[in-house]
C-alpha cells in the first residue's frame, strides 16, 4: 500500500516502539488489518484486540503506533484516500484523446480495485458508521469530488480539442460519466464474481465508446 502524504506526522506523537521492529512495515500491516476488520464488521464492532490479532501482534505493541481506535481508523482512511485519484490522473495524462483518457481512467480504476480489494468495502463501512468528530464521511465525499473534477477536466479538454459532440454540456456530461464510475464503485463493493465484474466493465467501455447499440437498432432521437 502506498505511503500517504503526511504519514510521518501521523506517527510523530507516538512515544516508544518495540525494539528492533521495522516501524513502517509494521505500521502498514496494522493499517491493512484495520481495513480488513472495518470492512468486514463495521467501525463500532471493530476492536483494537481484533485488529492486533489480524496484524499478528499484541494489543500493547499496537498501542506503540496508534493511541486509540479512532486515530487508527483515521490513519487507515487517509491511506485509502491517497491511493486512487493520483493513479487515475497519471493514467489520464498518458493519453491524448479525450475518449482514450476516459478509457484509461476506467481501466486504472479497475486496477486500483484489484490491488486494494478491501478499499471499497472499507470506505462504504466508514460512510455508513463512523464517529462524527472524525469527519471521515465528508473526507470521502471530497475524494469523490476530486474524481468528478478529473472527469470534468478531461471533457473540457475535449471541448477545446473539438472532440465532443456539438451542443454537449460539459457539466452534465461530467455528471453522467462520474455516475458511471460511482456505480462501478458501488457494484465492486458487492464483490461480484471476477468474470461478471470484468464483463460489466467491458460493457461500460462499449457504452462510453458508443458501441453498445448497433447503428440501426433505434431510430429515436430523444
Protein backbone atom coordinates (compact mmCIF):
# COMPACT_ATOMS: atom_id res chain seq x y z
CA UNK A 1 0.00 0.00 0.00
CA UNK A 2 1.42 3.43 -0.92
CA UNK A 3 2.59 5.63 1.91
CA UNK A 4 0.25 8.64 2.24
CA UNK A 5 1.47 12.19 2.36
CA UNK A 6 1.88 13.31 5.92
CA UNK A 7 2.36 9.78 7.19
CA UNK A 8 5.35 10.83 9.26
CA UNK A 9 3.32 13.43 11.15
CA UNK A 10 0.69 10.78 11.90
CA UNK A 11 3.29 8.86 13.92
CA UNK A 12 5.38 11.72 15.29
CA UNK A 13 3.45 11.97 18.57
CA UNK A 14 3.63 8.28 19.43
CA UNK A 15 6.15 7.53 22.16
CA UNK A 16 8.14 4.33 22.01
CA UNK A 17 8.04 1.35 19.64
CA UNK A 18 9.02 -2.29 20.10
CA UNK A 19 12.79 -2.62 19.98
CA UNK A 20 14.06 -3.97 16.66
CA UNK A 21 10.72 -3.50 14.87
CA UNK A 22 10.60 -2.24 11.31
CA UNK A 23 8.22 0.61 12.14
CA UNK A 24 6.97 1.39 8.62
CA UNK A 25 6.42 -2.26 7.70
CA UNK A 26 4.60 -2.86 10.97
CA UNK A 27 2.52 0.28 10.52
CA UNK A 28 1.42 -0.84 7.06
CA UNK A 29 0.48 -4.25 8.45
CA UNK A 30 -1.65 -2.57 11.11
CA UNK A 31 -3.39 -0.36 8.55
CA UNK A 32 -4.17 -3.32 6.32
CA UNK A 33 -5.53 -5.24 9.31
CA UNK A 34 -7.72 -2.27 10.24
CA UNK A 35 -9.04 -2.02 6.71
CA UNK A 36 -9.99 -5.69 6.71
CA UNK A 37 -11.64 -5.62 10.14
CA UNK A 38 -13.71 -2.49 9.49
CA UNK A 39 -14.68 -3.71 6.01
CA UNK A 40 -15.91 -6.99 7.45
CA UNK A 41 -17.72 -5.96 10.66
CA UNK A 42 -18.02 -2.15 10.64
CA UNK A 43 -16.50 0.57 12.80
CA UNK A 44 -18.33 0.01 16.08
CA UNK A 45 -17.76 -3.75 16.18
CA UNK A 46 -14.08 -3.48 15.32
CA UNK A 47 -11.80 -3.61 18.37
CA UNK A 48 -8.13 -2.96 18.91
CA UNK A 49 -7.79 -6.56 20.06
CA UNK A 50 -9.23 -7.88 16.79
CA UNK A 51 -7.04 -5.57 14.72
CA UNK A 52 -3.96 -6.65 16.66
CA UNK A 53 -4.86 -10.31 16.14
CA UNK A 54 -5.30 -9.71 12.39
CA UNK A 55 -1.95 -7.89 12.30
CA UNK A 56 -0.32 -10.78 14.22
CA UNK A 57 0.80 -8.67 17.16
CA UNK A 58 -0.29 -7.85 20.70
CA UNK A 59 -2.63 -5.03 21.59
CA UNK A 60 0.14 -3.47 23.69
CA UNK A 61 2.50 -3.42 20.71
CA UNK A 62 -0.17 -1.85 18.52
CA UNK A 63 -0.61 0.99 21.02
CA UNK A 64 3.03 1.95 20.39
CA UNK A 65 1.89 3.01 16.91
CA UNK A 66 -1.62 4.37 17.46
CA UNK A 67 -3.10 5.68 20.73
CA UNK A 68 -6.71 4.57 20.10
CA UNK A 69 -9.08 3.06 17.56
CA UNK A 70 -10.33 6.39 16.23
CA UNK A 71 -6.83 7.58 15.31
CA UNK A 72 -6.02 4.20 13.80
CA UNK A 73 -9.12 4.23 11.61
CA UNK A 74 -8.43 7.83 10.58
CA UNK A 75 -4.89 6.89 9.54
CA UNK A 76 -6.22 3.94 7.57
CA UNK A 77 -8.79 6.13 5.86
CA UNK A 78 -6.13 8.70 4.95
CA UNK A 79 -4.09 5.88 3.45
CA UNK A 80 -7.01 4.69 1.32
CA UNK A 81 -7.92 8.24 0.29
CA UNK A 82 -4.48 8.85 -1.25
CA UNK A 83 -4.47 5.74 -3.41
CA UNK A 84 -6.90 6.22 -6.27
CA UNK A 85 -7.04 9.77 -7.63
CA UNK A 86 -3.28 10.27 -8.24
CA UNK A 87 -3.19 6.99 -10.15
CA UNK A 88 -6.24 7.97 -12.19
CA UNK A 89 -4.73 11.36 -13.00
CA UNK A 90 -1.50 9.76 -14.13
CA UNK A 91 -3.38 7.29 -16.33
CA UNK A 92 -5.27 10.13 -17.99
CA UNK A 93 -2.08 12.12 -18.61
CA UNK A 94 -0.57 9.23 -20.56
CA UNK A 95 -3.19 9.61 -23.30
CA UNK A 96 -4.01 12.44 -25.69
CA UNK A 97 -7.55 11.88 -26.99
CA UNK A 98 -10.49 12.54 -24.68
CA UNK A 99 -12.07 9.11 -25.09
CA UNK A 100 -8.72 7.39 -24.58
CA UNK A 101 -8.25 9.36 -21.36
CA UNK A 102 -11.62 8.21 -20.06
CA UNK A 103 -10.87 4.61 -21.03
CA UNK A 104 -7.51 4.84 -19.26
CA UNK A 105 -9.13 6.22 -16.10
CA UNK A 106 -11.69 3.42 -16.15
CA UNK A 107 -9.00 0.76 -16.66
CA UNK A 108 -6.87 2.21 -13.88
CA UNK A 109 -9.83 2.33 -11.50
CA UNK A 110 -10.27 -1.40 -12.11
CA UNK A 111 -6.59 -1.97 -11.32
CA UNK A 112 -6.90 0.06 -8.11
CA UNK A 113 -9.85 -2.08 -7.02
CA UNK A 114 -7.86 -5.20 -7.88
CA UNK A 115 -4.79 -4.01 -5.96
CA UNK A 116 -6.84 -2.93 -2.92
CA UNK A 117 -9.90 -5.22 -2.88
CA UNK A 118 -10.92 -4.15 0.64
CA UNK A 119 -10.73 -0.40 -0.01
CA UNK A 120 -14.26 -0.07 -1.41
CA UNK A 121 -15.86 -2.09 1.40
CA UNK A 122 -13.84 -0.15 4.00
CA UNK A 123 -14.94 3.18 2.54
CA UNK A 124 -18.55 2.05 2.46
CA UNK A 125 -18.39 0.92 6.10
CA UNK A 126 -16.88 4.25 7.16
CA UNK A 127 -19.54 6.23 5.32
CA UNK A 128 -22.27 4.16 6.97
CA UNK A 129 -20.90 4.39 10.50
CA UNK A 130 -18.05 6.41 11.92
CA UNK A 131 -17.70 8.96 14.76
CA UNK A 132 -18.99 12.33 13.64
CA UNK A 133 -15.99 14.20 15.02
CA UNK A 134 -13.64 12.32 12.67
CA UNK A 135 -15.42 13.80 9.61
CA UNK A 136 -14.48 10.74 7.56
CA UNK A 137 -17.69 10.69 5.52
CA UNK A 138 -17.05 14.29 4.48
CA UNK A 139 -13.48 13.41 3.51
CA UNK A 140 -14.79 10.51 1.45
CA UNK A 141 -17.12 12.91 -0.36
CA UNK A 142 -14.15 15.18 -1.07
CA UNK A 143 -12.29 12.29 -2.68
CA UNK A 144 -15.23 11.56 -4.96
CA UNK A 145 -15.44 15.26 -5.84
CA UNK A 146 -11.80 15.03 -6.93
CA UNK A 147 -12.74 12.17 -9.27
CA UNK A 148 -15.63 14.17 -10.68
CA UNK A 149 -13.36 17.16 -11.24
CA UNK A 150 -10.86 14.95 -13.07
CA UNK A 151 -13.60 13.76 -15.41
CA UNK A 152 -14.79 17.33 -15.98
CA UNK A 153 -11.25 18.47 -16.80
CA UNK A 154 -10.91 15.67 -19.34
CA UNK A 155 -14.18 16.64 -21.01
CA UNK A 156 -13.28 20.33 -21.00
CA UNK A 157 -10.09 19.46 -22.85
CA UNK A 158 -12.27 17.50 -25.26
CA UNK A 159 -14.30 20.63 -25.94
CA UNK A 160 -11.10 22.57 -26.57
CA UNK A 161 -9.90 19.88 -28.97
CA UNK A 162 -13.35 19.69 -30.61
CA UNK A 163 -13.73 16.01 -29.72
CA UNK A 164 -17.13 16.28 -28.05
CA UNK A 165 -20.40 16.39 -29.93
CA UNK A 166 -21.99 19.72 -30.75
CA UNK A 167 -24.18 21.08 -28.01
CA UNK A 168 -22.80 18.78 -25.30
CA UNK A 169 -22.94 20.46 -21.89
CA UNK A 170 -19.67 19.68 -20.11
CA UNK A 171 -21.07 19.81 -16.58
CA UNK A 172 -23.97 17.48 -17.42
CA UNK A 173 -21.67 15.12 -19.32
CA UNK A 174 -19.22 15.11 -16.40
CA UNK A 175 -22.06 14.22 -14.02
CA UNK A 176 -23.16 11.36 -16.29
CA UNK A 177 -19.69 9.85 -16.65
CA UNK A 178 -18.99 10.37 -12.96
CA UNK A 179 -22.13 8.44 -12.04
CA UNK A 180 -20.91 5.55 -14.18
CA UNK A 181 -17.71 5.46 -12.13
CA UNK A 182 -19.62 5.75 -8.85
CA UNK A 183 -21.95 2.97 -9.93
CA UNK A 184 -18.97 0.77 -10.72
CA UNK A 185 -17.54 1.55 -7.30
CA UNK A 186 -20.78 0.52 -5.59
CA UNK A 187 -21.03 -2.58 -7.73
CA UNK A 188 -17.50 -3.58 -6.74
CA UNK A 189 -18.45 -3.34 -3.05
CA UNK A 190 -20.92 -6.21 -3.56
CA UNK A 191 -17.96 -8.46 -4.51
CA UNK A 192 -19.35 -9.87 -7.77
CA UNK A 193 -17.59 -12.85 -9.41
CA UNK A 194 -14.47 -11.67 -11.31
CA UNK A 195 -15.81 -12.76 -14.71
CA UNK A 196 -19.07 -10.92 -14.13
CA UNK A 197 -17.27 -7.81 -12.93
CA UNK A 198 -14.94 -7.68 -15.93
CA UNK A 199 -17.84 -8.26 -18.31
CA UNK A 200 -19.62 -5.29 -16.73
CA UNK A 201 -16.55 -3.11 -17.16
CA UNK A 202 -16.30 -4.18 -20.81
CA UNK A 203 -19.95 -3.19 -21.35
CA UNK A 204 -19.31 0.20 -19.71
CA UNK A 205 -16.42 0.78 -22.11
CA UNK A 206 -18.69 -0.04 -25.02
CA UNK A 207 -21.25 2.39 -23.64
CA UNK A 208 -18.71 5.20 -23.38
CA UNK A 209 -17.44 4.46 -26.89
CA UNK A 210 -20.96 4.49 -28.28
CA UNK A 211 -20.71 0.85 -29.31
CA UNK A 212 -23.33 -0.69 -27.03
CA UNK A 213 -26.09 -0.38 -29.63
CA UNK A 214 -25.96 -1.11 -33.34
CA UNK A 215 -26.48 1.89 -35.58
CA UNK A 216 -29.83 0.59 -36.84
CA UNK A 217 -31.23 -0.66 -33.54
CA UNK A 218 -33.16 2.52 -32.71
CA UNK A 219 -34.47 5.46 -34.66
CA UNK A 220 -35.35 7.53 -31.60
CA UNK A 221 -33.73 10.96 -31.45
CA UNK A 222 -34.90 11.72 -27.92
